[in-house]
Amino acid sequence: MITIKDVEHVAKLARLELTEEEKELYTKQLGDVLKYVDQMNEVDTSNIEPMSHAIDFVNVMREDKVIYEQDKEQLMSNAPEEENGFFKVPRIN
């Protein structure tokens, strides 16, 4: 199901360098995870009500209040580099 090419692709996206042993290990581990997910998909859940948490609880939220407000000049004073009023960051290829 998962190939070494798939693992290499994901590693490239994550900017990870993997050894050949790691590629083989992760290929097996990811394949095992997907087999388990397929096994879970076989369970009949048609009579189960969807839920977001295992137990019921009420979330107590406080009102958002501005405690300390900084102006743009104060914030930009911390920037190592600035361009057109924005933080300048290195380009990612």
PDB file of N, CA and C in Angstrom:
ATOM      1  N   MET A   1       0.830  -1.192   0.000  1.00  0.00           N
ATOM      2  CA  MET A   1       0.000   0.000   0.000  1.00  0.00           C
ATOM      3  C   MET A   1       0.876   1.259   0.000  1.00  0.00           C
ATOM      4  N   ILE A   2       1.782   1.385   0.966  1.00  0.00           N
ATOM      5  CA  ILE A   2       2.726   2.502   1.022  1.00  0.00           C
ATOM      6  C   ILE A   2       4.046   2.022   0.433  1.00  0.00           C
ATOM      7  N   THR A   3       4.628   2.843  -0.427  1.00  0.00           N
ATOM      8  CA  THR A   3       5.906   2.483  -1.029  1.00  0.00           C
ATOM      9  C   THR A   3       7.014   3.372  -0.475  1.00  0.00           C
ATOM     10  N   ILE A   4       8.244   2.958  -0.743  1.00  0.00           N
ATOM     11  CA  ILE A   4       9.388   3.774  -0.321  1.00  0.00           C
ATOM     12  C   ILE A   4       9.321   5.136  -1.015  1.00  0.00           C
ATOM     13  N   LYS A   5       8.829   5.178  -2.252  1.00  0.00           N
ATOM     14  CA  LYS A   5       8.680   6.461  -2.965  1.00  0.00           C
ATOM     15  C   LYS A   5       7.730   7.385  -2.214  1.00  0.00           C
ATOM     16  N   ASP A   6       6.651   6.829  -1.646  1.00  0.00           N
ATOM     17  CA  ASP A   6       5.713   7.641  -0.856  1.00  0.00           C
ATOM     18  C   ASP A   6       6.416   8.225   0.367  1.00  0.00           C
ATOM     19  N   VAL A   7       7.194   7.406   1.050  1.00  0.00           N
ATOM     20  CA  VAL A   7       7.928   7.869   2.228  1.00  0.00           C
ATOM     21  C   VAL A   7       8.935   8.937   1.835  1.00  0.00           C
ATOM     22  N   GLU A   8       9.622   8.744   0.722  1.00  0.00           N
ATOM     23  CA  GLU A   8      10.591   9.738   0.249  1.00  0.00           C
ATOM     24  C   GLU A   8       9.897  11.060  -0.072  1.00  0.00           C
ATOM     25  N   HIS A   9       8.710  10.974  -0.661  1.00  0.00           N
ATOM     26  CA  HIS A   9       7.952  12.181  -0.996  1.00  0.00           C
ATOM     27  C   HIS A   9       7.552  12.954   0.262  1.00  0.00           C
ATOM     28  N   VAL A  10       7.033  12.239   1.249  1.00  0.00           N
ATOM     29  CA  VAL A  10       6.637  12.883   2.505  1.00  0.00           C
ATOM     30  C   VAL A  10       7.856  13.469   3.200  1.00  0.00           C
ATOM     31  N   ALA A  11       8.959  12.740   3.198  1.00  0.00           N
ATOM     32  CA  ALA A  11      10.192  13.230   3.823  1.00  0.00           C
ATOM     33  C   ALA A  11      10.672  14.502   3.125  1.00  0.00           C
ATOM     34  N   LYS A  12      10.559  14.539   1.816  1.00  0.00           N
ATOM     35  CA  LYS A  12      10.963  15.742   1.069  1.00  0.00           C
ATOM     36  C   LYS A  12      10.083  16.926   1.448  1.00  0.00           C
ATOM     37  N   LEU A  13       8.774  16.697   1.541  1.00  0.00           N
ATOM     38  CA  LEU A  13       7.861  17.774   1.928  1.00  0.00           C
ATOM     39  C   LEU A  13       8.172  18.283   3.331  1.00  0.00           C
ATOM     40  N   ALA A  14       8.574  17.379   4.221  1.00  0.00           N
ATOM     41  CA  ALA A  14       8.880  17.742   5.602  1.00  0.00           C
ATOM     42  C   ALA A  14      10.337  18.175   5.763  1.00  0.00           C
ATOM     43  N   ARG A  15      11.069  18.183   4.649  1.00  0.00           N
ATOM     44  CA  ARG A  15      12.482  18.546   4.656  1.00  0.00           C
ATOM     45  C   ARG A  15      13.291  17.675   5.623  1.00  0.00           C
ATOM     46  N   LEU A  16      13.060  16.359   5.510  1.00  0.00           N
ATOM     47  CA  LEU A  16      13.765  15.389   6.343  1.00  0.00           C
ATOM     48  C   LEU A  16      14.712  14.570   5.468  1.00  0.00           C
ATOM     49  N   GLU A  17      15.877  14.296   5.986  1.00  0.00           N
ATOM     50  CA  GLU A  17      16.801  13.391   5.315  1.00  0.00           C
ATOM     51  C   GLU A  17      16.721  12.055   6.042  1.00  0.00           C
ATOM     52  N   LEU A  18      16.401  10.999   5.291  1.00  0.00           N
ATOM     53  CA  LEU A  18      16.248   9.677   5.884  1.00  0.00           C
ATOM     54  C   LEU A  18      17.294   8.727   5.316  1.00  0.00           C
ATOM     55  N   THR A  19      17.782   7.828   6.167  1.00  0.00           N
ATOM     56  CA  THR A  19      18.667   6.770   5.694  1.00  0.00           C
ATOM     57  C   THR A  19      17.809   5.704   5.017  1.00  0.00           C
ATOM     58  N   GLU A  20      18.458   4.803   4.295  1.00  0.00           N
ATOM     59  CA  GLU A  20      17.718   3.721   3.633  1.00  0.00           C
ATOM     60  C   GLU A  20      16.998   2.850   4.665  1.00  0.00           C
ATOM     61  N   GLU A  21      17.635   2.626   5.820  1.00  0.00           N
ATOM     62  CA  GLU A  21      17.009   1.823   6.875  1.00  0.00           C
ATOM     63  C   GLU A  21      15.755   2.515   7.412  1.00  0.00           C
ATOM     64  N   GLU A  22      15.845   3.841   7.590  1.00  0.00           N
ATOM     65  CA  GLU A  22      14.678   4.594   8.078  1.00  0.00           C
ATOM     66  C   GLU A  22      13.549   4.563   7.060  1.00  0.00           C
ATOM     67  N   LYS A  23      13.891   4.678   5.778  1.00  0.00           N
ATOM     68  CA  LYS A  23      12.865   4.631   4.728  1.00  0.00           C
ATOM     69  C   LYS A  23      12.118   3.299   4.773  1.00  0.00           C
ATOM     70  N   GLU A  24      12.859   2.208   4.916  1.00  0.00           N
ATOM     71  CA  GLU A  24      12.226   0.889   4.981  1.00  0.00           C
ATOM     72  C   GLU A  24      11.373   0.753   6.239  1.00  0.00           C
ATOM     73  N   LEU A  25      11.899   1.222   7.363  1.00  0.00           N
ATOM     74  CA  LEU A  25      11.160   1.152   8.620  1.00  0.00           C
ATOM     75  C   LEU A  25       9.871   1.961   8.544  1.00  0.00           C
ATOM     76  N   TYR A  26       9.953   3.191   8.058  1.00  0.00           N
ATOM     77  CA  TYR A  26       8.772   4.055   7.994  1.00  0.00           C
ATOM     78  C   TYR A  26       7.767   3.545   6.967  1.00  0.00           C
ATOM     79  N   THR A  27       8.244   2.926   5.898  1.00  0.00           N
ATOM     80  CA  THR A  27       7.335   2.337   4.920  1.00  0.00           C
ATOM     81  C   THR A  27       6.502   1.245   5.588  1.00  0.00           C
ATOM     82  N   LYS A  28       7.161   0.382   6.373  1.00  0.00           N
ATOM     83  CA  LYS A  28       6.443  -0.680   7.078  1.00  0.00           C
ATOM     84  C   LYS A  28       5.501  -0.095   8.124  1.00  0.00           C
ATOM     85  N   GLN A  29       5.984   0.873   8.915  1.00  0.00           N
ATOM     86  CA  GLN A  29       5.159   1.439   9.979  1.00  0.00           C
ATOM     87  C   GLN A  29       3.937   2.159   9.422  1.00  0.00           C
ATOM     88  N   LEU A  30       4.115   2.959   8.377  1.00  0.00           N
ATOM     89  CA  LEU A  30       2.971   3.660   7.785  1.00  0.00           C
ATOM     90  C   LEU A  30       1.988   2.675   7.159  1.00  0.00           C
ATOM     91  N   GLY A  31       2.512   1.616   6.547  1.00  0.00           N
ATOM     92  CA  GLY A  31       1.645   0.574   6.000  1.00  0.00           C
ATOM     93  C   GLY A  31       0.818  -0.078   7.100  1.00  0.00           C
ATOM     94  N   ASP A  32       1.452  -0.338   8.246  1.00  0.00           N
ATOM     95  CA  ASP A  32       0.735  -0.932   9.385  1.00  0.00           C
ATOM     96  C   ASP A  32      -0.366  -0.003   9.897  1.00  0.00           C
ATOM     97  N   VAL A  33      -0.086   1.285   9.941  1.00  0.00           N
ATOM     98  CA  VAL A  33      -1.090   2.259  10.394  1.00  0.00           C
ATOM     99  C   VAL A  33      -2.287   2.244   9.444  1.00  0.00           C
ATOM    100  N   LEU A  34      -2.013   2.251   8.138  1.00  0.00           N
ATOM    101  CA  LEU A  34      -3.111   2.258   7.170  1.00  0.00           C
ATOM    102  C   LEU A  34      -3.913   0.958   7.210  1.00  0.00           C
ATOM    103  N   LYS A  35      -3.253  -0.178   7.472  1.00  0.00           N
ATOM    104  CA  LYS A  35      -3.983  -1.440   7.632  1.00  0.00           C
ATOM    105  C   LYS A  35      -4.924  -1.349   8.833  1.00  0.00           C
ATOM    106  N   TYR A  36      -4.442  -0.748   9.912  1.00  0.00           N
ATOM    107  CA  TYR A  36      -5.278  -0.604  11.110  1.00  0.00           C
ATOM    108  C   TYR A  36      -6.474   0.310  10.828  1.00  0.00           C
ATOM    109  N   VAL A  37      -6.254   1.379  10.088  1.00  0.00           N
ATOM    110  CA  VAL A  37      -7.350   2.284   9.725  1.00  0.00           C
ATOM    111  C   VAL A  37      -8.370   1.538   8.874  1.00  0.00           C
ATOM    112  N   ASP A  38      -7.905   0.724   7.929  1.00  0.00           N
ATOM    113  CA  ASP A  38      -8.830  -0.084   7.125  1.00  0.00           C
ATOM    114  C   ASP A  38      -9.634  -1.035   8.000  1.00  0.00           C
ATOM    115  N   GLN A  39      -8.975  -1.605   8.998  1.00  0.00           N
ATOM    116  CA  GLN A  39      -9.663  -2.505   9.930  1.00  0.00           C
ATOM    117  C   GLN A  39     -10.735  -1.744  10.702  1.00  0.00           C
ATOM    118  N   MET A  40     -10.440  -0.520  11.112  1.00  0.00           N
ATOM    119  CA  MET A  40     -11.415   0.291  11.838  1.00  0.00           C
ATOM    120  C   MET A  40     -12.581   0.684  10.935  1.00  0.00           C
ATOM    121  N   ASN A  41     -12.322   0.886   9.647  1.00  0.00           N
ATOM    122  CA  ASN A  41     -13.387   1.248   8.713  1.00  0.00           C
ATOM    123  C   ASN A  41     -14.405   0.132   8.524  1.00  0.00           C
ATOM    124  N   GLU A  42     -14.052  -1.093   8.875  1.00  0.00           N
ATOM    125  CA  GLU A  42     -14.976  -2.230   8.729  1.00  0.00           C
ATOM    126  C   GLU A  42     -16.005  -2.280   9.855  1.00  0.00           C
ATOM    127  N   VAL A  43     -15.799  -1.537  10.924  1.00  0.00           N
ATOM    128  CA  VAL A  43     -16.714  -1.552  12.064  1.00  0.00           C
ATOM    129  C   VAL A  43     -17.990  -0.791  11.698  1.00  0.00           C
ATOM    130  N   ASP A  44     -19.137  -1.387  11.993  1.00  0.00           N
ATOM    131  CA  ASP A  44     -20.424  -0.747  11.702  1.00  0.00           C
ATOM    132  C   ASP A  44     -20.702   0.343  12.749  1.00  0.00           C
ATOM    133  N   THR A  45     -20.720   1.580  12.312  1.00  0.00           N
ATOM    134  CA  THR A  45     -20.983   2.709  13.215  1.00  0.00           C
ATOM    135  C   THR A  45     -22.266   3.444  12.835  1.00  0.00           C
ATOM    136  N   SER A  46     -23.132   2.768  12.078  1.00  0.00           N
ATOM    137  CA  SER A  46     -24.341   3.438  11.590  1.00  0.00           C
ATOM    138  C   SER A  46     -25.292   3.842  12.713  1.00  0.00           C
ATOM    139  N   ASN A  47     -25.278   3.136  13.838  1.00  0.00           N
ATOM    140  CA  ASN A  47     -26.169   3.465  14.951  1.00  0.00           C
ATOM    141  C   ASN A  47     -25.474   4.234  16.065  1.00  0.00           C
ATOM    142  N   ILE A  48     -24.290   4.746  15.792  1.00  0.00           N
ATOM    143  CA  ILE A  48     -23.517   5.478  16.796  1.00  0.00           C
ATOM    144  C   ILE A  48     -23.630   6.971  16.517  1.00  0.00           C
ATOM    145  N   GLU A  49     -24.020   7.732  17.538  1.00  0.00           N
ATOM    146  CA  GLU A  49     -24.141   9.179  17.395  1.00  0.00           C
ATOM    147  C   GLU A  49     -22.742   9.819  17.406  1.00  0.00           C
ATOM    148  N   PRO A  50     -22.447  10.694  16.444  1.00  0.00           N
ATOM    149  CA  PRO A  50     -21.134  11.351  16.425  1.00  0.00           C
ATOM    150  C   PRO A  50     -20.927  12.192  17.682  1.00  0.00           C
ATOM    151  N   MET A  51     -19.683  12.243  18.146  1.00  0.00           N
ATOM    152  CA  MET A  51     -19.374  13.055  19.321  1.00  0.00           C
ATOM    153  C   MET A  51     -17.986  13.663  19.149  1.00  0.00           C
ATOM    154  N   SER A  52     -17.774  14.763  19.839  1.00  0.00           N
ATOM    155  CA  SER A  52     -16.472  15.418  19.745  1.00  0.00           C
ATOM    156  C   SER A  52     -15.567  15.041  20.901  1.00  0.00           C
ATOM    157  N   HIS A  53     -16.153  14.555  22.019  1.00  0.00           N
ATOM    158  CA  HIS A  53     -15.375  14.164  23.192  1.00  0.00           C
ATOM    159  C   HIS A  53     -15.981  12.903  23.801  1.00  0.00           C
ATOM    160  N   ALA A  54     -15.164  12.167  24.511  1.00  0.00           N
ATOM    161  CA  ALA A  54     -15.640  10.930  25.126  1.00  0.00           C
ATOM    162  C   ALA A  54     -16.575  11.197  26.301  1.00  0.00           C
ATOM    163  N   ILE A  55     -16.415  12.351  26.947  1.00  0.00           N
ATOM    164  CA  ILE A  55     -17.287  12.708  28.069  1.00  0.00           C
ATOM    165  C   ILE A  55     -17.899  14.076  27.804  1.00  0.00           C
ATOM    166  N   ASP A  56     -19.082  14.317  28.377  1.00  0.00           N
ATOM    167  CA  ASP A  56     -19.728  15.617  28.229  1.00  0.00           C
ATOM    168  C   ASP A  56     -19.093  16.620  29.188  1.00  0.00           C
ATOM    169  N   PHE A  57     -18.876  17.821  28.710  1.00  0.00           N
ATOM    170  CA  PHE A  57     -18.400  18.892  29.577  1.00  0.00           C
ATOM    171  C   PHE A  57     -18.816  20.228  28.989  1.00  0.00           C
ATOM    172  N   VAL A  58     -18.797  21.230  29.832  1.00  0.00           N
ATOM    173  CA  VAL A  58     -19.143  22.579  29.397  1.00  0.00           C
ATOM    174  C   VAL A  58     -17.872  23.418  29.460  1.00  0.00           C
ATOM    175  N   ASN A  59     -17.564  24.084  28.373  1.00  0.00           N
ATOM    176  CA  ASN A  59     -16.374  24.913  28.323  1.00  0.00           C
ATOM    177  C   ASN A  59     -16.720  26.319  28.808  1.00  0.00           C
ATOM    178  N   VAL A  60     -16.002  26.789  29.781  1.00  0.00           N
ATOM    179  CA  VAL A  60     -16.242  28.120  30.328  1.00  0.00           C
ATOM    180  C   VAL A  60     -15.289  29.084  29.623  1.00  0.00           C
ATOM    181  N   MET A  61     -15.875  30.011  28.914  1.00  0.00           N
ATOM    182  CA  MET A  61     -15.063  30.971  28.152  1.00  0.00           C
ATOM    183  C   MET A  61     -15.162  32.341  28.804  1.00  0.00           C
ATOM    184  N   ARG A  62     -14.053  33.028  28.849  1.00  0.00           N
ATOM    185  CA  ARG A  62     -14.071  34.386  29.370  1.00  0.00           C
ATOM    186  C   ARG A  62     -14.194  35.359  28.204  1.00  0.00           C
ATOM    187  N   GLU A  63     -14.607  36.543  28.494  1.00  0.00           N
ATOM    188  CA  GLU A  63     -14.724  37.581  27.485  1.00  0.00           C
ATOM    189  C   GLU A  63     -13.325  38.051  27.084  1.00  0.00           C
ATOM    190  N   ASP A  64     -13.104  38.235  25.802  1.00  0.00           N
ATOM    191  CA  ASP A  64     -11.815  38.741  25.331  1.00  0.00           C
ATOM    192  C   ASP A  64     -11.681  40.210  25.692  1.00  0.00           C
ATOM    193  N   LYS A  65     -10.557  40.551  26.300  1.00  0.00           N
ATOM    194  CA  LYS A  65     -10.286  41.938  26.647  1.00  0.00           C
ATOM    195  C   LYS A  65      -8.877  42.282  26.231  1.00  0.00           C
ATOM    196  N   VAL A  66      -8.705  43.465  25.653  1.00  0.00           N
ATOM    197  CA  VAL A  66      -7.374  43.942  25.313  1.00  0.00           C
ATOM    198  C   VAL A  66      -6.736  44.460  26.590  1.00  0.00           C
ATOM    199  N   ILE A  67      -5.632  43.825  26.983  1.00  0.00           N
ATOM    200  CA  ILE A  67      -4.961  44.223  28.216  1.00  0.00           C
ATOM    201  C   ILE A  67      -3.849  45.226  27.924  1.00  0.00           C
ATOM    202  N   TYR A  68      -3.086  44.939  26.875  1.00  0.00           N
ATOM    203  CA  TYR A  68      -1.982  45.826  26.523  1.00  0.00           C
ATOM    204  C   TYR A  68      -1.909  45.875  25.013  1.00  0.00           C
ATOM    205  N   GLU A  69      -1.988  47.034  24.458  1.00  0.00           N
ATOM    206  CA  GLU A  69      -1.984  47.189  23.015  1.00  0.00           C
ATOM    207  C   GLU A  69      -0.707  47.884  22.590  1.00  0.00           C
ATOM    208  N   GLN A  70      -0.004  47.284  21.610  1.00  0.00           N
ATOM    209  CA  GLN A  70       1.211  47.889  21.078  1.00  0.00           C
ATOM    210  C   GLN A  70       0.914  48.461  19.705  1.00  0.00           C
ATOM    211  N   ASP A  71       1.587  49.538  19.372  1.00  0.00           N
ATOM    212  CA  ASP A  71       1.399  50.068  18.030  1.00  0.00           C
ATOM    213  C   ASP A  71       2.399  49.404  17.081  1.00  0.00           C
ATOM    214  N   LYS A  72       2.189  49.604  15.800  1.00  0.00           N
ATOM    215  CA  LYS A  72       2.986  48.928  14.780  1.00  0.00           C
ATOM    216  C   LYS A  72       4.472  49.259  14.906  1.00  0.00           C
ATOM    217  N   GLU A  73       4.799  50.493  15.227  1.00  0.00           N
ATOM    218  CA  GLU A  73       6.201  50.886  15.342  1.00  0.00           C
ATOM    219  C   GLU A  73       6.909  50.101  16.455  1.00  0.00           C
ATOM    220  N   GLN A  74       6.211  49.899  17.590  1.00  0.00           N
ATOM    221  CA  GLN A  74       6.797  49.122  18.675  1.00  0.00           C
ATOM    222  C   GLN A  74       7.060  47.681  18.241  1.00  0.00           C
ATOM    223  N   LEU A  75       6.091  47.097  17.552  1.00  0.00           N
ATOM    224  CA  LEU A  75       6.249  45.719  17.101  1.00  0.00           C
ATOM    225  C   LEU A  75       7.357  45.587  16.064  1.00  0.00           C
ATOM    226  N   MET A  76       7.409  46.521  15.119  1.00  0.00           N
ATOM    227  CA  MET A  76       8.402  46.442  14.062  1.00  0.00           C
ATOM    228  C   MET A  76       9.810  46.736  14.573  1.00  0.00           C
ATOM    229  N   SER A  77       9.923  47.369  15.735  1.00  0.00           N
ATOM    230  CA  SER A  77      11.251  47.643  16.285  1.00  0.00           C
ATOM    231  C   SER A  77      11.982  46.349  16.639  1.00  0.00           C
ATOM    232  N   ASN A  78      11.252  45.246  16.785  1.00  0.00           N
ATOM    233  CA  ASN A  78      11.859  43.946  17.083  1.00  0.00           C
ATOM    234  C   ASN A  78      12.237  43.161  15.835  1.00  0.00           C
ATOM    235  N   ALA A  79      11.881  43.657  14.676  1.00  0.00           N
ATOM    236  CA  ALA A  79      12.128  42.929  13.440  1.00  0.00           C
ATOM    237  C   ALA A  79      13.604  43.007  13.055  1.00  0.00           C
ATOM    238  N   PRO A  80      14.238  41.862  12.783  1.00  0.00           N
ATOM    239  CA  PRO A  80      15.618  41.904  12.321  1.00  0.00           C
ATOM    240  C   PRO A  80      15.715  42.556  10.944  1.00  0.00           C
ATOM    241  N   GLU A  81      14.691  42.319  10.094  1.00  0.00           N
ATOM    242  CA  GLU A  81      14.621  42.968   8.784  1.00  0.00           C
ATOM    243  C   GLU A  81      13.170  43.346   8.512  1.00  0.00           C
ATOM    244  N   GLU A  82      13.002  44.466   7.804  1.00  0.00           N
ATOM    245  CA  GLU A  82      11.669  44.974   7.503  1.00  0.00           C
ATOM    246  C   GLU A  82      11.629  45.385   6.044  1.00  0.00           C
ATOM    247  N   GLU A  83      10.470  45.152   5.415  1.00  0.00           N
ATOM    248  CA  GLU A  83      10.310  45.563   4.026  1.00  0.00           C
ATOM    249  C   GLU A  83       8.873  46.012   3.809  1.00  0.00           C
ATOM    250  N   ASN A  84       8.686  47.251   3.398  1.00  0.00           N
ATOM    251  CA  ASN A  84       7.360  47.814   3.131  1.00  0.00           C
ATOM    252  C   ASN A  84       6.427  47.710   4.344  1.00  0.00           C
ATOM    253  N   GLY A  85       6.975  47.853   5.534  1.00  0.00           N
ATOM    254  CA  GLY A  85       6.158  47.834   6.735  1.00  0.00           C
ATOM    255  C   GLY A  85       5.815  46.444   7.249  1.00  0.00           C
ATOM    256  N   PHE A  86       6.465  45.400   6.709  1.00  0.00           N
ATOM    257  CA  PHE A  86       6.217  44.028   7.126  1.00  0.00           C
ATOM    258  C   PHE A  86       7.519  43.372   7.557  1.00  0.00           C
ATOM    259  N   PHE A  87       7.407  42.309   8.380  1.00  0.00           N
ATOM    260  CA  PHE A  87       8.581  41.521   8.725  1.00  0.00           C
ATOM    261  C   PHE A  87       9.107  40.856   7.454  1.00  0.00           C
ATOM    262  N   LYS A  88      10.403  40.915   7.232  1.00  0.00           N
ATOM    263  CA  LYS A  88      10.998  40.231   6.099  1.00  0.00           C
ATOM    264  C   LYS A  88      11.613  38.942   6.605  1.00  0.00           C
ATOM    265  N   VAL A  89      11.229  37.840   5.966  1.00  0.00           N
ATOM    266  CA  VAL A  89      11.714  36.523   6.372  1.00  0.00           C
ATOM    267  C   VAL A  89      12.396  35.860   5.185  1.00  0.00           C
ATOM    268  N   PRO A  90      13.273  34.885   5.451  1.00  0.00           N
ATOM    269  CA  PRO A  90      13.955  34.202   4.350  1.00  0.00           C
ATOM    270  C   PRO A  90      12.964  33.457   3.465  1.00  0.00           C
ATOM    271  N   ARG A  91      13.241  33.453   2.185  1.00  0.00           N
ATOM    272  CA  ARG A  91      12.402  32.736   1.230  1.00  0.00           C
ATOM    273  C   ARG A  91      12.620  31.243   1.396  1.00  0.00           C
ATOM    274  N   ILE A  92      11.541  30.467   1.316  1.00  0.00           N
ATOM    275  CA  ILE A  92      11.619  29.020   1.408  1.00  0.00           C
ATOM    276  C   ILE A  92      11.370  28.437   0.020  1.00  0.00           C
ATOM    277  N   ASN A  93      12.303  27.629  -0.427  1.00  0.00           N
ATOM    278  CA  ASN A  93      12.173  27.014  -1.767  1.00  0.00           C
ATOM    279  C   ASN A  93      11.644  25.624  -1.657  1.00  0.00           C
TER     280      ASN A  93
END
